[in-house]
Amino acid sequence: MDTVAVLGPVGTFTDEAARRYFGSSKFIYCNSVTEVFDMVERDVEYGVIPIENSTEGSVGETIDCLRKYDLYIWGEVYHHIVHVLAGTGRLEDVKTIMTHPQAISQCRNKVEKLLKSMPQVVTKGPTGKVLSTARAMEMVAQEKDPTIAVIGSKNAAQKYGLNIIAENLSDQDDNETRFFVISKKQHQKTGKDKTSIITAVKDEAGALWKLLGIFAREGINLTKIESRPRRERKWEYLFFIDFEGHKDDGKVENMLESIKESSTYFKLLGSYPRWA
């Protein structure tokens, strides 16, 4: 049976995504994305972490960890996110919402409409920073304060014995989060693959245009490109790039060699099956 580290506790959207990908496995629940990477680096076979949301963008901690750790992306999962408002009281009791910052960002408009105005939002509880929506559910259940509600998954609300105050809270009905599966291993070709890299181009006119030209020359489709501050060098940026194909495909091999030659930094994050 596979052992899988996930951002916990039980009931997080990461937990739901991991169960979709792995089915019946042994899950180890971690307090942060960084802790998931630590566990996989030591002795856990796989980890599952969020990489980007369709409305709120990328998770910076995940991109930073992908660069820092000597691990590979083994797979990806796209998971539909359905938020609920839960608590120990009723809708008219709610004065404060405790949740993860990503969750309130995905639900702000509907929350304002539901409650007639935006309540106080807190991302810290009695036991510390809210590191996940399920952790917030756990804190609210322990507090038993009817004026405090929480945003998260219906599964987590039911697990922690909270009342479902309102459902379908996401501002966008097609709200979706993409998760990565990480491992020490690299995935073999399947014929329907993606590859992810991080690179930095030279500080000169046309450098980014030249980088993109390498993809065009080989006829390879980019599915994502995003800049990220290069922490050790002020005002310099790294590019996180996803594209179709596997590192062992002939034209991808040629392209990666060209990128390495024209870059000041390069890291292959992994080739993995595209989520169907």
Protein backbone atom coordinates (compact mmCIF):
# COMPACT_ATOMS: atom_id res chain seq x y z
CA MET A 1 0.00 0.00 0.00
CA ASP A 2 1.31 3.45 -0.96
CA THR A 3 2.14 5.92 1.81
CA VAL A 4 1.08 9.47 0.93
CA ALA A 5 1.81 12.74 2.76
CA VAL A 6 -0.91 15.40 2.33
CA LEU A 7 -1.72 18.83 3.68
CA GLY A 8 -4.03 18.05 6.61
CA PRO A 9 -5.97 17.48 8.68
CA VAL A 10 -8.56 15.01 7.34
CA GLY A 11 -11.10 16.79 5.16
CA THR A 12 -8.90 19.32 3.35
CA PHE A 13 -9.37 19.70 -0.39
CA THR A 14 -5.84 18.28 -0.70
CA ASP A 15 -7.07 15.20 1.18
CA GLU A 16 -9.99 14.87 -1.24
CA ALA A 17 -7.68 15.22 -4.27
CA ALA A 18 -5.24 12.66 -2.85
CA ARG A 19 -8.04 10.13 -2.34
CA ARG A 20 -9.21 10.66 -5.93
CA TYR A 21 -5.69 9.95 -7.21
CA PHE A 22 -4.61 7.11 -4.92
CA GLY A 23 -7.85 5.55 -3.69
CA SER A 24 -7.09 3.29 -0.75
CA SER A 25 -3.69 4.28 0.66
CA LYS A 26 -2.06 5.17 3.95
CA PHE A 27 -2.32 8.95 4.35
CA ILE A 28 -0.07 11.00 6.63
CA TYR A 29 -1.42 14.46 7.44
CA CYS A 30 1.00 17.40 7.55
CA ASN A 31 0.66 20.96 8.84
CA SER A 32 2.15 22.73 5.81
CA VAL A 33 3.25 22.30 2.20
CA THR A 34 6.88 22.41 3.35
CA GLU A 35 6.26 19.57 5.80
CA VAL A 36 4.84 17.44 2.95
CA PHE A 37 8.08 17.97 1.00
CA ASP A 38 10.12 17.11 4.12
CA MET A 39 8.22 13.83 4.58
CA VAL A 40 8.69 12.75 0.95
CA GLU A 41 12.38 13.71 1.05
CA ARG A 42 12.83 11.43 4.06
CA ASP A 43 10.85 8.20 3.68
CA VAL A 44 7.28 8.71 2.42
CA GLU A 45 6.63 7.48 -1.14
CA TYR A 46 4.42 10.31 -2.39
CA GLY A 47 3.11 13.73 -1.41
CA VAL A 48 0.13 15.77 -2.62
CA ILE A 49 0.19 19.56 -2.53
CA PRO A 50 -1.81 22.40 -4.19
CA ILE A 51 -0.07 24.25 -7.02
CA GLU A 52 -2.71 26.64 -8.40
CA ASN A 53 -6.35 27.68 -8.22
CA SER A 54 -8.37 28.66 -11.28
CA THR A 55 -9.41 32.02 -9.75
CA GLU A 56 -6.64 32.87 -7.26
CA GLY A 57 -3.54 31.67 -9.11
CA SER A 58 -0.45 29.83 -7.92
CA VAL A 59 0.63 28.75 -4.45
CA GLY A 60 4.00 30.44 -3.92
CA GLU A 61 5.14 28.07 -1.17
CA THR A 62 4.72 25.10 -3.51
CA ILE A 63 6.76 26.70 -6.31
CA ASP A 64 9.51 27.63 -3.84
CA CYS A 65 9.61 24.07 -2.48
CA LEU A 66 9.73 22.56 -5.98
CA ARG A 67 12.87 24.59 -6.57
CA LYS A 68 14.43 23.84 -3.18
CA TYR A 69 13.88 20.07 -2.82
CA ASP A 70 15.44 17.29 -4.89
CA LEU A 71 12.06 15.75 -5.73
CA TYR A 72 10.02 15.30 -8.91
CA ILE A 73 6.45 15.91 -9.99
CA TRP A 74 4.96 12.44 -10.44
CA GLY A 75 1.41 13.40 -11.38
CA GLU A 76 -1.33 16.03 -11.28
CA VAL A 77 -4.96 16.17 -10.14
CA TYR A 78 -7.60 18.75 -11.00
CA HIS A 79 -10.25 18.91 -8.27
CA HIS A 80 -13.54 20.85 -8.29
CA ILE A 81 -13.71 23.08 -5.19
CA VAL A 82 -17.12 23.51 -3.54
CA HIS A 83 -17.03 25.71 -0.44
CA VAL A 84 -19.62 25.78 2.34
CA LEU A 85 -20.13 28.13 5.28
CA ALA A 86 -20.28 26.14 8.51
CA GLY A 87 -20.34 26.76 12.24
CA THR A 88 -22.03 25.97 15.54
CA GLY A 89 -24.68 28.70 15.19
CA ARG A 90 -27.07 30.11 12.58
CA LEU A 91 -26.55 32.53 9.71
CA GLU A 92 -27.84 35.49 11.74
CA ASP A 93 -25.30 34.73 14.51
CA VAL A 94 -22.22 35.09 12.28
CA LYS A 95 -19.94 38.02 13.10
CA THR A 96 -16.54 36.51 12.25
CA ILE A 97 -15.24 34.08 9.63
CA MET A 98 -12.15 32.01 10.35
CA THR A 99 -10.55 30.45 7.29
CA HIS A 100 -7.49 30.12 5.07
CA PRO A 101 -6.76 33.27 2.98
CA GLN A 102 -7.25 31.38 -0.31
CA ALA A 103 -10.76 30.30 0.72
CA ILE A 104 -12.10 33.77 1.53
CA SER A 105 -10.54 35.11 -1.69
CA GLN A 106 -12.51 32.52 -3.68
CA CYS A 107 -15.82 33.35 -1.91
CA ARG A 108 -15.69 37.05 -1.06
CA ASN A 109 -18.58 38.26 -3.27
CA LYS A 110 -21.03 35.56 -2.20
CA VAL A 111 -20.12 35.99 1.47
CA GLU A 112 -20.81 39.74 1.28
CA LYS A 113 -24.15 39.11 -0.42
CA LEU A 114 -25.13 36.37 2.02
CA LEU A 115 -24.24 38.30 5.17
CA LYS A 116 -25.22 41.75 3.78
CA SER A 117 -21.66 42.98 4.50
CA MET A 118 -18.19 41.52 4.87
CA PRO A 119 -17.69 40.21 8.44
CA GLN A 120 -14.38 40.23 10.26
CA VAL A 121 -12.10 37.65 8.67
CA VAL A 122 -9.40 35.97 10.76
CA THR A 123 -6.68 33.62 9.54
CA LYS A 124 -5.37 32.79 13.01
CA GLY A 125 -7.02 30.81 15.78
CA PRO A 126 -6.29 29.97 19.42
CA THR A 127 -3.79 27.31 18.37
CA GLY A 128 -2.03 29.39 15.70
CA LYS A 129 -2.16 30.24 11.99
CA VAL A 130 -4.89 28.67 9.88
CA LEU A 131 -2.87 26.46 7.53
CA SER A 132 -5.85 24.82 5.81
CA THR A 133 -9.64 25.09 5.61
CA ALA A 134 -10.05 21.81 7.50
CA ARG A 135 -7.80 23.09 10.29
CA ALA A 136 -10.09 26.11 10.56
CA MET A 137 -13.09 23.74 10.80
CA GLU A 138 -11.37 21.89 13.62
CA MET A 139 -10.66 25.14 15.50
CA VAL A 140 -14.24 26.42 15.15
CA ALA A 141 -15.64 23.09 16.34
CA GLN A 142 -13.42 23.29 19.43
CA GLU A 143 -14.33 26.95 20.14
CA LYS A 144 -18.11 26.32 20.02
CA ASP A 145 -18.70 30.06 19.51
CA PRO A 146 -21.90 30.57 17.43
CA THR A 147 -20.65 33.95 16.17
CA ILE A 148 -17.67 32.35 14.40
CA ALA A 149 -18.23 30.58 11.07
CA VAL A 150 -15.76 28.90 8.75
CA ILE A 151 -15.35 28.35 5.00
CA GLY A 152 -14.24 24.95 3.75
CA SER A 153 -15.41 21.61 2.40
CA LYS A 154 -18.70 19.94 3.26
CA ASN A 155 -16.82 16.75 4.13
CA ALA A 156 -14.72 18.57 6.74
CA ALA A 157 -17.76 20.33 8.22
CA GLN A 158 -19.53 17.01 8.66
CA LYS A 159 -16.44 15.34 10.11
CA TYR A 160 -16.08 18.03 12.79
CA GLY A 161 -19.80 18.10 13.60
CA LEU A 162 -20.55 21.61 12.32
CA ASN A 163 -23.82 22.94 10.96
CA ILE A 164 -23.91 23.68 7.23
CA ILE A 165 -25.05 27.32 7.20
CA ALA A 166 -24.77 27.92 3.43
CA GLU A 167 -23.66 25.83 0.44
CA ASN A 168 -22.08 26.56 -2.97
CA LEU A 169 -20.20 29.57 -1.64
CA SER A 170 -17.55 29.90 -4.39
CA ASP A 171 -17.84 33.06 -6.50
CA GLN A 172 -17.12 30.95 -9.60
CA ASP A 173 -19.17 27.77 -10.01
CA ASP A 174 -16.31 26.17 -11.96
CA ASN A 175 -13.79 26.86 -9.17
CA GLU A 176 -11.00 24.29 -9.51
CA THR A 177 -7.63 23.64 -7.90
CA ARG A 178 -4.73 21.80 -9.48
CA PHE A 179 -2.62 19.59 -7.24
CA PHE A 180 0.78 17.99 -7.82
CA VAL A 181 1.81 14.51 -6.73
CA ILE A 182 5.51 14.55 -5.80
CA SER A 183 8.00 11.69 -5.41
CA LYS A 184 11.69 10.82 -5.44
CA LYS A 185 10.93 8.82 -8.60
CA GLN A 186 10.48 10.07 -12.16
CA HIS A 187 7.49 8.92 -14.21
CA GLN A 188 7.95 7.00 -17.45
CA LYS A 189 6.42 8.16 -20.74
CA THR A 190 2.72 7.50 -21.25
CA GLY A 191 2.20 9.32 -24.57
CA LYS A 192 -0.04 11.92 -22.91
CA ASP A 193 2.38 13.82 -20.72
CA LYS A 194 3.29 17.24 -19.37
CA THR A 195 6.68 18.55 -18.26
CA SER A 196 7.40 21.32 -15.75
CA ILE A 197 10.60 23.35 -15.47
CA ILE A 198 11.93 26.42 -13.67
CA THR A 199 14.37 28.63 -15.56
CA ALA A 200 15.90 32.11 -15.54
CA VAL A 201 16.94 33.98 -18.67
CA LYS A 202 19.86 36.34 -19.17
CA ASP A 203 19.31 40.00 -18.28
CA GLU A 204 19.31 41.29 -21.85
CA ALA A 205 16.87 42.66 -24.41
CA GLY A 206 14.76 39.97 -26.07
CA ALA A 207 15.79 37.18 -23.69
CA LEU A 208 12.23 36.08 -22.90
CA TRP A 209 11.28 36.33 -26.58
CA LYS A 210 14.21 34.03 -27.42
CA LEU A 211 13.11 31.54 -24.74
CA LEU A 212 9.58 31.40 -26.12
CA GLY A 213 11.02 31.08 -29.62
CA ILE A 214 12.67 27.79 -28.62
CA PHE A 215 9.23 26.32 -27.88
CA ALA A 216 7.82 27.67 -31.15
CA ARG A 217 10.72 26.27 -33.16
CA GLU A 218 10.13 22.75 -31.81
CA GLY A 219 6.34 23.06 -32.11
CA ILE A 220 5.78 22.44 -28.40
CA ASN A 221 2.68 23.84 -26.72
CA LEU A 222 3.10 25.83 -23.49
CA THR A 223 0.25 25.30 -21.02
CA LYS A 224 1.53 27.71 -18.33
CA ILE A 225 4.23 30.34 -17.83
CA GLU A 226 4.55 32.44 -14.70
CA SER A 227 7.27 34.65 -13.23
CA ARG A 228 8.42 34.26 -9.63
CA PRO A 229 10.90 36.49 -7.73
CA ARG A 230 14.39 35.01 -7.50
CA ARG A 231 14.81 35.44 -3.75
CA GLU A 232 18.61 35.41 -3.68
CA ARG A 233 18.86 38.12 -6.38
CA LYS A 234 16.79 41.26 -5.92
CA TRP A 235 14.58 42.22 -8.88
CA GLU A 236 15.47 39.11 -10.85
CA TYR A 237 12.83 36.57 -11.79
CA LEU A 238 12.45 32.85 -12.42
CA PHE A 239 9.95 31.42 -14.88
CA PHE A 240 7.79 28.43 -13.93
CA ILE A 241 6.77 26.72 -17.17
CA ASP A 242 4.49 23.78 -18.04
CA PHE A 243 4.35 22.33 -21.54
CA GLU A 244 3.06 19.28 -23.38
CA GLY A 245 5.37 16.31 -23.86
CA HIS A 246 7.81 14.15 -21.88
CA LYS A 247 11.47 14.86 -21.19
CA ASP A 248 12.41 11.68 -23.08
CA ASP A 249 10.60 12.73 -26.28
CA GLY A 250 13.18 13.57 -28.95
CA LYS A 251 12.03 17.11 -29.67
CA VAL A 252 11.59 17.85 -25.95
CA GLU A 253 15.15 16.66 -25.27
CA ASN A 254 16.45 19.01 -27.97
CA MET A 255 14.40 21.90 -26.63
CA LEU A 256 15.55 21.38 -23.02
CA GLU A 257 19.19 21.42 -24.14
CA SER A 258 18.60 24.72 -25.96
CA ILE A 259 16.92 26.21 -22.88
CA LYS A 260 19.81 25.15 -20.63
CA GLU A 261 22.31 26.79 -22.98
CA SER A 262 20.43 30.11 -22.98
CA SER A 263 19.54 30.20 -19.25
CA THR A 264 21.30 31.41 -16.13
CA TYR A 265 19.35 28.86 -14.06
CA PHE A 266 17.51 25.67 -15.02
CA LYS A 267 15.77 22.89 -13.11
CA LEU A 268 13.68 20.04 -14.49
CA LEU A 269 10.77 19.51 -12.09
CA GLY A 270 9.47 16.39 -13.77
CA SER A 271 7.48 14.81 -16.59
CA TYR A 272 4.17 13.24 -15.66
CA PRO A 273 0.84 12.03 -17.11
CA ARG A 274 -1.67 14.77 -17.97
CA TRP A 275 -4.79 14.61 -15.82
CA ALA A 276 -7.70 13.28 -17.89
